[in-house]
Amino acid sequence: MTAQSPNPSADLFGDRRTVEQVEEGNELAPKFDAQGLIPCVTTDFTSGEVLMVGMMNREALARTIHTGEAHYWSRSRQQLWHKGATSGLVQKVVEMRIDDDQDCVWLRVAIPGGASCHVGYRSCFYRKVPVGAERTTEAKLEFMEHEKAFDPKAVYGDAPNPTQL
């Protein structure tokens, strides 16, 4: 963090003292992993559809709380990521929840523009993996979304895919 970027998490998160305090208390005391990250499941507020799963560090979680817009930590780019800053498809947080032991966040968002996936689909979960009786020896993925909500090349140009292989 730079001097121009004040710490938005200062005094926002409590210390984790007891199981009872974390699981039954009203203090936000998130548990970040060894890399300083916490997973975040993001769903559409209206439909409940899973849009994406991302990671947040302390700053991303704090900025999300302060701004009401989703921020994540990009592991591939190693930087804070304001979802939609480039595409204009900003995720507006309608509700934020945290699980019982405070090691996972759930964002319920409104997505003006109708898409959350950088590939152009509405959801990042646009393909189905065949399981059980549906499975064949080839196990090919099945597209569940057949039209993109936007053209990624028109939005991002020929920039490298933000998700590095």
N, C-alpha and C. Protein backbone atom coordinates (compact mmCIF):
# COMPACT_ATOMS: atom_id res chain seq x y z
N MET A 1 0.84 -1.18 0.00
CA MET A 1 0.00 0.00 0.00
C MET A 1 0.88 1.24 0.00
N THR A 2 0.45 2.24 -0.74
CA THR A 2 1.24 3.46 -0.85
C THR A 2 0.70 4.53 0.08
N ALA A 3 1.46 5.61 0.23
CA ALA A 3 1.02 6.72 1.07
C ALA A 3 -0.25 7.35 0.52
N GLN A 4 -0.46 7.27 -0.81
CA GLN A 4 -1.66 7.84 -1.41
C GLN A 4 -2.88 6.94 -1.22
N SER A 5 -2.66 5.73 -0.77
CA SER A 5 -3.74 4.76 -0.61
C SER A 5 -3.87 4.40 0.87
N PRO A 6 -4.65 5.18 1.65
CA PRO A 6 -4.76 4.91 3.08
C PRO A 6 -5.34 3.53 3.33
N ASN A 7 -5.01 2.97 4.46
CA ASN A 7 -5.44 1.63 4.80
C ASN A 7 -6.93 1.63 5.16
N PRO A 8 -7.80 1.15 4.25
CA PRO A 8 -9.22 1.18 4.54
C PRO A 8 -9.65 0.16 5.59
N SER A 9 -8.75 -0.82 5.92
CA SER A 9 -9.14 -1.84 6.88
C SER A 9 -8.75 -1.48 8.31
N ALA A 10 -8.07 -0.34 8.51
CA ALA A 10 -7.69 0.07 9.86
C ALA A 10 -8.94 0.18 10.72
N ASP A 11 -8.92 -0.49 11.86
CA ASP A 11 -10.02 -0.48 12.83
C ASP A 11 -11.33 -1.09 12.31
N LEU A 12 -11.31 -1.74 11.13
CA LEU A 12 -12.52 -2.34 10.58
C LEU A 12 -12.67 -3.79 11.01
N PHE A 13 -11.56 -4.51 11.11
CA PHE A 13 -11.59 -5.92 11.44
C PHE A 13 -11.12 -6.16 12.87
N GLY A 14 -11.86 -6.99 13.58
CA GLY A 14 -11.48 -7.34 14.94
C GLY A 14 -10.48 -8.48 14.96
N ASP A 15 -9.85 -8.65 16.10
CA ASP A 15 -8.96 -9.79 16.30
C ASP A 15 -9.80 -11.03 16.56
N ARG A 16 -9.28 -12.18 16.16
CA ARG A 16 -9.95 -13.45 16.40
C ARG A 16 -9.48 -13.97 17.76
N ARG A 17 -10.36 -13.91 18.76
CA ARG A 17 -9.97 -14.27 20.12
C ARG A 17 -10.49 -15.64 20.54
N THR A 18 -11.75 -15.92 20.31
CA THR A 18 -12.33 -17.20 20.73
C THR A 18 -13.26 -17.71 19.63
N VAL A 19 -13.52 -19.01 19.67
CA VAL A 19 -14.47 -19.60 18.72
C VAL A 19 -15.83 -18.97 18.91
N GLU A 20 -16.25 -18.80 20.15
CA GLU A 20 -17.57 -18.21 20.42
C GLU A 20 -17.67 -16.79 19.85
N GLN A 21 -16.63 -15.99 20.04
CA GLN A 21 -16.63 -14.62 19.54
C GLN A 21 -16.72 -14.61 18.01
N VAL A 22 -15.99 -15.51 17.34
CA VAL A 22 -15.99 -15.56 15.88
C VAL A 22 -17.32 -16.09 15.35
N GLU A 23 -17.83 -17.16 15.95
CA GLU A 23 -19.02 -17.83 15.42
C GLU A 23 -20.35 -17.26 15.92
N GLU A 24 -20.37 -16.65 17.08
CA GLU A 24 -21.63 -16.17 17.65
C GLU A 24 -21.66 -14.67 17.91
N GLY A 25 -20.54 -14.02 17.76
CA GLY A 25 -20.46 -12.59 18.05
C GLY A 25 -20.87 -11.73 16.87
N ASN A 26 -20.89 -10.42 17.11
CA ASN A 26 -21.27 -9.49 16.05
C ASN A 26 -20.08 -8.67 15.53
N GLU A 27 -18.88 -9.15 15.81
CA GLU A 27 -17.65 -8.47 15.38
C GLU A 27 -17.12 -9.13 14.12
N LEU A 28 -16.80 -8.34 13.10
CA LEU A 28 -16.20 -8.87 11.88
C LEU A 28 -14.73 -9.15 12.15
N ALA A 29 -14.37 -10.44 12.13
CA ALA A 29 -13.00 -10.89 12.39
C ALA A 29 -12.64 -11.95 11.35
N PRO A 30 -12.47 -11.53 10.09
CA PRO A 30 -12.24 -12.50 9.02
C PRO A 30 -10.93 -13.27 9.18
N LYS A 31 -10.96 -14.53 8.73
CA LYS A 31 -9.77 -15.37 8.78
C LYS A 31 -9.18 -15.44 7.37
N PHE A 32 -8.06 -14.79 7.19
CA PHE A 32 -7.34 -14.82 5.93
C PHE A 32 -6.37 -16.00 5.95
N ASP A 33 -6.12 -16.62 4.79
CA ASP A 33 -5.23 -17.77 4.74
C ASP A 33 -3.76 -17.34 4.85
N ALA A 34 -2.85 -18.28 4.68
CA ALA A 34 -1.42 -18.00 4.82
C ALA A 34 -0.92 -16.96 3.82
N GLN A 35 -1.61 -16.82 2.69
CA GLN A 35 -1.24 -15.82 1.69
C GLN A 35 -1.98 -14.50 1.91
N GLY A 36 -2.76 -14.43 3.00
CA GLY A 36 -3.49 -13.20 3.31
C GLY A 36 -4.77 -13.05 2.51
N LEU A 37 -5.35 -14.18 2.06
CA LEU A 37 -6.54 -14.14 1.20
C LEU A 37 -7.72 -14.86 1.84
N ILE A 38 -8.91 -14.46 1.40
CA ILE A 38 -10.15 -15.10 1.81
C ILE A 38 -11.00 -15.28 0.55
N PRO A 39 -11.60 -16.48 0.35
CA PRO A 39 -12.42 -16.69 -0.85
C PRO A 39 -13.73 -15.92 -0.77
N CYS A 40 -14.23 -15.55 -1.94
CA CYS A 40 -15.48 -14.80 -2.04
C CYS A 40 -16.33 -15.39 -3.17
N VAL A 41 -17.51 -15.86 -2.82
CA VAL A 41 -18.49 -16.34 -3.79
C VAL A 41 -19.38 -15.15 -4.13
N THR A 42 -19.57 -14.89 -5.42
CA THR A 42 -20.37 -13.76 -5.86
C THR A 42 -21.56 -14.26 -6.67
N THR A 43 -22.76 -13.88 -6.24
CA THR A 43 -23.98 -14.30 -6.93
C THR A 43 -24.81 -13.09 -7.34
N ASP A 44 -25.68 -13.31 -8.33
CA ASP A 44 -26.61 -12.28 -8.76
C ASP A 44 -27.66 -12.11 -7.67
N PHE A 45 -27.91 -10.90 -7.24
CA PHE A 45 -28.84 -10.65 -6.15
C PHE A 45 -30.26 -11.10 -6.50
N THR A 46 -30.68 -10.90 -7.72
CA THR A 46 -32.05 -11.22 -8.11
C THR A 46 -32.25 -12.71 -8.35
N SER A 47 -31.41 -13.32 -9.18
CA SER A 47 -31.62 -14.71 -9.58
C SER A 47 -30.94 -15.72 -8.67
N GLY A 48 -29.90 -15.31 -7.95
CA GLY A 48 -29.13 -16.24 -7.13
C GLY A 48 -28.07 -16.99 -7.91
N GLU A 49 -27.96 -16.74 -9.21
CA GLU A 49 -26.99 -17.41 -10.07
C GLU A 49 -25.56 -17.09 -9.60
N VAL A 50 -24.72 -18.13 -9.55
CA VAL A 50 -23.31 -17.91 -9.21
C VAL A 50 -22.65 -17.23 -10.39
N LEU A 51 -22.05 -16.08 -10.13
CA LEU A 51 -21.38 -15.32 -11.18
C LEU A 51 -19.89 -15.61 -11.22
N MET A 52 -19.28 -15.69 -10.05
CA MET A 52 -17.83 -15.92 -9.99
C MET A 52 -17.41 -16.27 -8.57
N VAL A 53 -16.20 -16.77 -8.46
CA VAL A 53 -15.53 -16.98 -7.18
C VAL A 53 -14.20 -16.27 -7.30
N GLY A 54 -13.92 -15.40 -6.37
CA GLY A 54 -12.68 -14.66 -6.38
C GLY A 54 -12.03 -14.69 -5.01
N MET A 55 -10.90 -14.03 -4.90
CA MET A 55 -10.19 -13.94 -3.63
C MET A 55 -10.10 -12.47 -3.24
N MET A 56 -10.12 -12.24 -1.93
CA MET A 56 -9.95 -10.89 -1.40
C MET A 56 -8.81 -10.90 -0.39
N ASN A 57 -8.05 -9.82 -0.38
CA ASN A 57 -7.11 -9.61 0.72
C ASN A 57 -7.78 -8.60 1.65
N ARG A 58 -7.08 -8.18 2.69
CA ARG A 58 -7.67 -7.24 3.65
C ARG A 58 -8.15 -5.96 2.97
N GLU A 59 -7.32 -5.42 2.09
CA GLU A 59 -7.66 -4.17 1.44
C GLU A 59 -8.88 -4.33 0.52
N ALA A 60 -8.94 -5.42 -0.23
CA ALA A 60 -10.08 -5.65 -1.13
C ALA A 60 -11.38 -5.78 -0.33
N LEU A 61 -11.34 -6.52 0.77
CA LEU A 61 -12.53 -6.68 1.60
C LEU A 61 -12.94 -5.33 2.19
N ALA A 62 -11.98 -4.59 2.70
CA ALA A 62 -12.29 -3.29 3.29
C ALA A 62 -12.83 -2.31 2.25
N ARG A 63 -12.23 -2.28 1.08
CA ARG A 63 -12.71 -1.37 0.03
C ARG A 63 -14.12 -1.75 -0.42
N THR A 64 -14.40 -3.04 -0.48
CA THR A 64 -15.74 -3.49 -0.84
C THR A 64 -16.74 -2.99 0.19
N ILE A 65 -16.40 -3.11 1.45
CA ILE A 65 -17.28 -2.64 2.53
C ILE A 65 -17.47 -1.13 2.45
N HIS A 66 -16.39 -0.39 2.25
CA HIS A 66 -16.46 1.07 2.23
C HIS A 66 -17.17 1.64 1.00
N THR A 67 -16.95 1.03 -0.16
CA THR A 67 -17.48 1.60 -1.41
C THR A 67 -18.82 1.01 -1.85
N GLY A 68 -19.11 -0.21 -1.39
CA GLY A 68 -20.32 -0.88 -1.86
C GLY A 68 -20.16 -1.44 -3.27
N GLU A 69 -18.92 -1.50 -3.74
CA GLU A 69 -18.61 -2.10 -5.04
C GLU A 69 -17.55 -3.17 -4.81
N ALA A 70 -17.66 -4.28 -5.58
CA ALA A 70 -16.78 -5.42 -5.37
C ALA A 70 -15.34 -5.13 -5.78
N HIS A 71 -14.43 -5.46 -4.86
CA HIS A 71 -12.99 -5.40 -5.10
C HIS A 71 -12.44 -6.78 -4.77
N TYR A 72 -11.46 -7.22 -5.51
CA TYR A 72 -10.84 -8.53 -5.31
C TYR A 72 -9.33 -8.38 -5.36
N TRP A 73 -8.65 -9.46 -5.02
CA TRP A 73 -7.20 -9.54 -5.19
C TRP A 73 -6.95 -10.47 -6.37
N SER A 74 -6.28 -9.99 -7.39
CA SER A 74 -5.93 -10.81 -8.54
C SER A 74 -4.65 -11.57 -8.24
N ARG A 75 -4.77 -12.88 -8.11
CA ARG A 75 -3.59 -13.69 -7.85
C ARG A 75 -2.68 -13.75 -9.07
N SER A 76 -3.26 -13.75 -10.28
CA SER A 76 -2.44 -13.82 -11.48
C SER A 76 -1.66 -12.53 -11.72
N ARG A 77 -2.28 -11.39 -11.41
CA ARG A 77 -1.61 -10.10 -11.63
C ARG A 77 -0.97 -9.54 -10.36
N GLN A 78 -1.27 -10.17 -9.22
CA GLN A 78 -0.74 -9.73 -7.93
C GLN A 78 -1.05 -8.26 -7.66
N GLN A 79 -2.35 -7.92 -7.82
CA GLN A 79 -2.76 -6.54 -7.55
C GLN A 79 -4.24 -6.47 -7.20
N LEU A 80 -4.59 -5.38 -6.55
CA LEU A 80 -5.98 -5.11 -6.22
C LEU A 80 -6.76 -4.93 -7.51
N TRP A 81 -8.01 -5.39 -7.53
CA TRP A 81 -8.80 -5.39 -8.74
C TRP A 81 -10.20 -4.90 -8.41
N HIS A 82 -10.57 -3.74 -8.92
CA HIS A 82 -11.93 -3.20 -8.77
C HIS A 82 -12.74 -3.78 -9.92
N LYS A 83 -13.61 -4.73 -9.62
CA LYS A 83 -14.35 -5.45 -10.65
C LYS A 83 -15.16 -4.47 -11.49
N GLY A 84 -14.90 -4.48 -12.80
CA GLY A 84 -15.62 -3.62 -13.72
C GLY A 84 -14.96 -2.29 -14.00
N ALA A 85 -13.82 -2.01 -13.39
CA ALA A 85 -13.15 -0.72 -13.60
C ALA A 85 -12.78 -0.52 -15.07
N THR A 86 -12.41 -1.58 -15.76
CA THR A 86 -12.06 -1.48 -17.17
C THR A 86 -13.29 -1.63 -18.07
N SER A 87 -14.11 -2.62 -17.78
CA SER A 87 -15.26 -2.94 -18.64
C SER A 87 -16.48 -2.06 -18.39
N GLY A 88 -16.55 -1.45 -17.22
CA GLY A 88 -17.74 -0.69 -16.85
C GLY A 88 -18.81 -1.56 -16.22
N LEU A 89 -18.57 -2.87 -16.11
CA LEU A 89 -19.53 -3.80 -15.53
C LEU A 89 -19.26 -3.97 -14.03
N VAL A 90 -19.38 -2.87 -13.30
CA VAL A 90 -19.09 -2.83 -11.87
C VAL A 90 -20.14 -3.64 -11.11
N GLN A 91 -19.67 -4.44 -10.17
CA GLN A 91 -20.58 -5.21 -9.33
C GLN A 91 -20.98 -4.34 -8.13
N LYS A 92 -22.25 -3.97 -8.05
CA LYS A 92 -22.78 -3.19 -6.94
C LYS A 92 -23.25 -4.17 -5.85
N VAL A 93 -22.65 -4.06 -4.68
CA VAL A 93 -22.99 -4.99 -3.60
C VAL A 93 -24.34 -4.60 -2.99
N VAL A 94 -25.27 -5.54 -3.06
CA VAL A 94 -26.58 -5.35 -2.46
C VAL A 94 -26.56 -5.92 -1.04
N GLU A 95 -25.81 -7.00 -0.86
CA GLU A 95 -25.70 -7.63 0.45
C GLU A 95 -24.38 -8.38 0.53
N MET A 96 -23.73 -8.31 1.68
CA MET A 96 -22.51 -9.07 1.94
C MET A 96 -22.75 -9.93 3.16
N ARG A 97 -22.36 -11.19 3.06
CA ARG A 97 -22.44 -12.10 4.20
C ARG A 97 -21.09 -12.76 4.41
N ILE A 98 -20.89 -13.26 5.62
CA ILE A 98 -19.68 -14.00 5.95
C ILE A 98 -20.11 -15.30 6.60
N ASP A 99 -19.38 -16.39 6.36
CA ASP A 99 -19.81 -17.68 6.89
C ASP A 99 -19.53 -17.80 8.39
N ASP A 100 -19.93 -18.93 8.97
CA ASP A 100 -19.90 -19.12 10.42
C ASP A 100 -18.53 -18.91 11.05
N ASP A 101 -17.48 -19.44 10.44
CA ASP A 101 -16.16 -19.23 11.04
C ASP A 101 -15.38 -18.11 10.37
N GLN A 102 -16.08 -17.30 9.59
CA GLN A 102 -15.55 -16.07 8.99
C GLN A 102 -14.32 -16.30 8.11
N ASP A 103 -14.37 -17.41 7.33
CA ASP A 103 -13.26 -17.64 6.40
C ASP A 103 -13.72 -17.70 4.95
N CYS A 104 -14.94 -17.21 4.68
CA CYS A 104 -15.45 -17.14 3.33
C CYS A 104 -16.51 -16.03 3.26
N VAL A 105 -16.46 -15.24 2.19
CA VAL A 105 -17.38 -14.13 2.00
C VAL A 105 -18.36 -14.47 0.87
N TRP A 106 -19.60 -14.01 1.01
CA TRP A 106 -20.60 -14.17 -0.04
C TRP A 106 -21.12 -12.78 -0.39
N LEU A 107 -20.92 -12.38 -1.65
CA LEU A 107 -21.46 -11.12 -2.13
C LEU A 107 -22.69 -11.41 -2.99
N ARG A 108 -23.75 -10.68 -2.73
CA ARG A 108 -24.94 -10.70 -3.58
C ARG A 108 -24.94 -9.35 -4.27
N VAL A 109 -24.80 -9.36 -5.60
CA VAL A 109 -24.56 -8.14 -6.35
C VAL A 109 -25.59 -7.89 -7.44
N ALA A 110 -25.72 -6.62 -7.79
CA ALA A 110 -26.45 -6.20 -8.98
C ALA A 110 -25.38 -5.92 -10.03
N ILE A 111 -25.62 -6.37 -11.24
CA ILE A 111 -24.61 -6.18 -12.28
C ILE A 111 -25.19 -5.40 -13.46
N PRO A 112 -25.18 -4.08 -13.34
CA PRO A 112 -25.61 -3.28 -14.48
C PRO A 112 -24.76 -3.64 -15.70
N GLY A 113 -25.40 -3.87 -16.82
CA GLY A 113 -24.67 -4.31 -18.01
C GLY A 113 -24.81 -5.80 -18.23
N GLY A 114 -25.27 -6.52 -17.23
CA GLY A 114 -25.64 -7.92 -17.41
C GLY A 114 -24.56 -8.96 -17.47
N ALA A 115 -23.31 -8.64 -17.19
CA ALA A 115 -22.26 -9.67 -17.28
C ALA A 115 -21.21 -9.45 -16.20
N SER A 116 -20.57 -10.56 -15.82
CA SER A 116 -19.49 -10.50 -14.84
C SER A 116 -18.21 -11.15 -15.33
N CYS A 117 -18.28 -11.92 -16.39
CA CYS A 117 -17.13 -12.69 -16.84
C CYS A 117 -16.31 -11.93 -17.87
N HIS A 118 -15.00 -11.89 -17.70
CA HIS A 118 -14.13 -11.17 -18.64
C HIS A 118 -14.12 -11.81 -20.03
N VAL A 119 -14.63 -13.04 -20.14
CA VAL A 119 -14.70 -13.73 -21.43
C VAL A 119 -15.92 -13.25 -22.22
N GLY A 120 -16.82 -12.52 -21.55
CA GLY A 120 -17.98 -11.96 -22.23
C GLY A 120 -19.30 -12.60 -21.85
N TYR A 121 -19.24 -13.71 -21.13
CA TYR A 121 -20.47 -14.37 -20.70
C TYR A 121 -21.00 -13.70 -19.43
N ARG A 122 -22.27 -13.96 -19.13
CA ARG A 122 -22.89 -13.40 -17.94
C ARG A 122 -22.18 -13.89 -16.67
N SER A 123 -21.97 -15.19 -16.59
CA SER A 123 -21.36 -15.82 -15.43
C SER A 123 -20.03 -16.45 -15.82
N CYS A 124 -19.12 -16.54 -14.88
CA CYS A 124 -17.86 -17.24 -15.14
C CYS A 124 -18.10 -18.76 -15.20
N PHE A 125 -19.25 -19.21 -14.76
CA PHE A 125 -19.60 -20.62 -14.77
C PHE A 125 -20.51 -20.91 -15.97
N TYR A 126 -19.99 -20.72 -17.18
CA TYR A 126 -20.78 -20.84 -18.39
C TYR A 126 -20.68 -22.22 -19.03
N ARG A 127 -19.90 -23.14 -18.43
CA ARG A 127 -19.79 -24.50 -18.98
C ARG A 127 -20.12 -25.53 -17.91
N LYS A 128 -20.73 -26.61 -18.36
CA LYS A 128 -21.14 -27.70 -17.49
C LYS A 128 -20.17 -28.87 -17.67
N VAL A 129 -19.80 -29.51 -16.57
CA VAL A 129 -18.95 -30.69 -16.60
C VAL A 129 -19.87 -31.91 -16.48
N PRO A 130 -19.87 -32.81 -17.46
CA PRO A 130 -20.73 -33.98 -17.38
C PRO A 130 -20.30 -34.89 -16.22
N VAL A 131 -21.28 -35.33 -15.45
CA VAL A 131 -21.01 -36.23 -14.32
C VAL A 131 -22.00 -37.40 -14.35
N GLY A 132 -21.65 -38.47 -13.66
CA GLY A 132 -22.55 -39.61 -13.56
C GLY A 132 -22.95 -40.16 -14.92
N ALA A 133 -24.24 -40.36 -15.12
CA ALA A 133 -24.77 -40.95 -16.35
C ALA A 133 -24.53 -40.05 -17.56
N GLU A 134 -24.35 -38.74 -17.35
CA GLU A 134 -24.10 -37.81 -18.47
C GLU A 134 -22.68 -37.95 -19.02
N ARG A 135 -21.80 -38.51 -18.22
CA ARG A 135 -20.38 -38.55 -18.57
C ARG A 135 -20.12 -39.56 -19.68
N THR A 136 -19.27 -39.16 -20.61
CA THR A 136 -18.80 -40.07 -21.65
C THR A 136 -17.29 -40.21 -21.47
N THR A 137 -16.68 -41.05 -22.28
CA THR A 137 -15.24 -41.23 -22.15
C THR A 137 -14.49 -39.94 -22.51
N GLU A 138 -15.10 -39.10 -23.35
CA GLU A 138 -14.45 -37.85 -23.74
C GLU A 138 -14.62 -36.74 -22.70
N ALA A 139 -15.69 -36.79 -21.93
CA ALA A 139 -15.98 -35.80 -20.88
C ALA A 139 -15.84 -34.37 -21.39
N LYS A 140 -16.48 -34.06 -22.49
CA LYS A 140 -16.41 -32.71 -23.05
C LYS A 140 -17.30 -31.76 -22.27
N LEU A 141 -16.84 -30.54 -22.14
CA LEU A 141 -17.61 -29.51 -21.46
C LEU A 141 -18.79 -29.10 -22.34
N GLU A 142 -19.92 -28.78 -21.70
CA GLU A 142 -21.11 -28.34 -22.42
C GLU A 142 -21.36 -26.87 -22.08
N PHE A 143 -21.50 -26.05 -23.11
CA PHE A 143 -21.75 -24.63 -22.91
C PHE A 143 -23.20 -24.44 -22.46
N MET A 144 -23.37 -23.75 -21.33
CA MET A 144 -24.69 -23.48 -20.79
C MET A 144 -25.17 -22.09 -21.21
N GLU A 145 -24.25 -21.22 -21.57
CA GLU A 145 -24.57 -19.91 -22.13
C GLU A 145 -24.09 -19.94 -23.57
N HIS A 146 -24.97 -19.57 -24.47
CA HIS A 146 -24.64 -19.69 -25.89
C HIS A 146 -24.37 -18.35 -26.56
N GLU A 147 -24.63 -17.28 -25.86
CA GLU A 147 -24.35 -15.95 -26.40
C GLU A 147 -23.61 -15.14 -25.33
N LYS A 148 -22.65 -14.38 -25.80
CA LYS A 148 -21.92 -13.52 -24.88
C LYS A 148 -22.72 -12.25 -24.62
N ALA A 149 -22.58 -11.73 -23.42
CA ALA A 149 -23.27 -10.49 -23.04
C ALA A 149 -22.55 -9.28 -23.61
N PHE A 150 -21.25 -9.43 -23.89
CA PHE A 150 -20.48 -8.35 -24.51
C PHE A 150 -19.29 -8.96 -25.24
N ASP A 151 -18.69 -8.18 -26.14
CA ASP A 151 -17.53 -8.61 -26.90
C ASP A 151 -16.27 -8.21 -26.14
N PRO A 152 -15.53 -9.18 -25.61
CA PRO A 152 -14.33 -8.85 -24.83
C PRO A 152 -13.28 -8.06 -25.62
N LYS A 153 -13.12 -8.32 -26.91
CA LYS A 153 -12.14 -7.58 -27.70
C LYS A 153 -12.52 -6.11 -27.82
N ALA A 154 -13.84 -5.83 -27.91
CA ALA A 154 -14.29 -4.44 -27.99
C ALA A 154 -14.05 -3.71 -26.66
N VAL A 155 -14.14 -4.45 -25.56
CA VAL A 155 -13.97 -3.85 -24.23
C VAL A 155 -12.50 -3.76 -23.84
N TYR A 156 -11.77 -4.86 -24.02
CA TYR A 156 -10.39 -4.94 -23.54
C TYR A 156 -9.35 -4.78 -24.64
N GLY A 157 -9.77 -4.76 -25.91
CA GLY A 157 -8.82 -4.70 -27.00
C GLY A 157 -8.05 -5.99 -27.13
N ASP A 158 -6.85 -5.91 -27.58
CA ASP A 158 -6.02 -7.10 -27.73
C ASP A 158 -5.12 -7.33 -26.52
N ALA A 159 -5.51 -6.73 -25.40
CA ALA A 159 -4.74 -6.91 -24.17
C ALA A 159 -4.73 -8.39 -23.80
N PRO A 160 -3.66 -8.84 -23.14
CA PRO A 160 -3.62 -10.23 -22.73
C PRO A 160 -4.78 -10.56 -21.79
N ASN A 161 -5.21 -11.78 -21.84
CA ASN A 161 -6.27 -12.26 -20.98
C ASN A 161 -5.88 -11.98 -19.53
N PRO A 162 -6.77 -11.38 -18.73
CA PRO A 162 -6.41 -11.07 -17.34
C PRO A 162 -6.17 -12.32 -16.49
N THR A 163 -6.61 -13.47 -16.96
CA THR A 163 -6.36 -14.71 -16.24
C THR A 163 -5.21 -15.41 -16.94
N GLN A 164 -4.04 -15.28 -16.40
CA GLN A 164 -2.85 -15.88 -17.01
C GLN A 164 -2.90 -17.38 -16.91
N LEU A 165 -2.46 -18.07 -17.95
CA LEU A 165 -2.40 -19.53 -17.92
C LEU A 165 -1.22 -20.01 -17.12
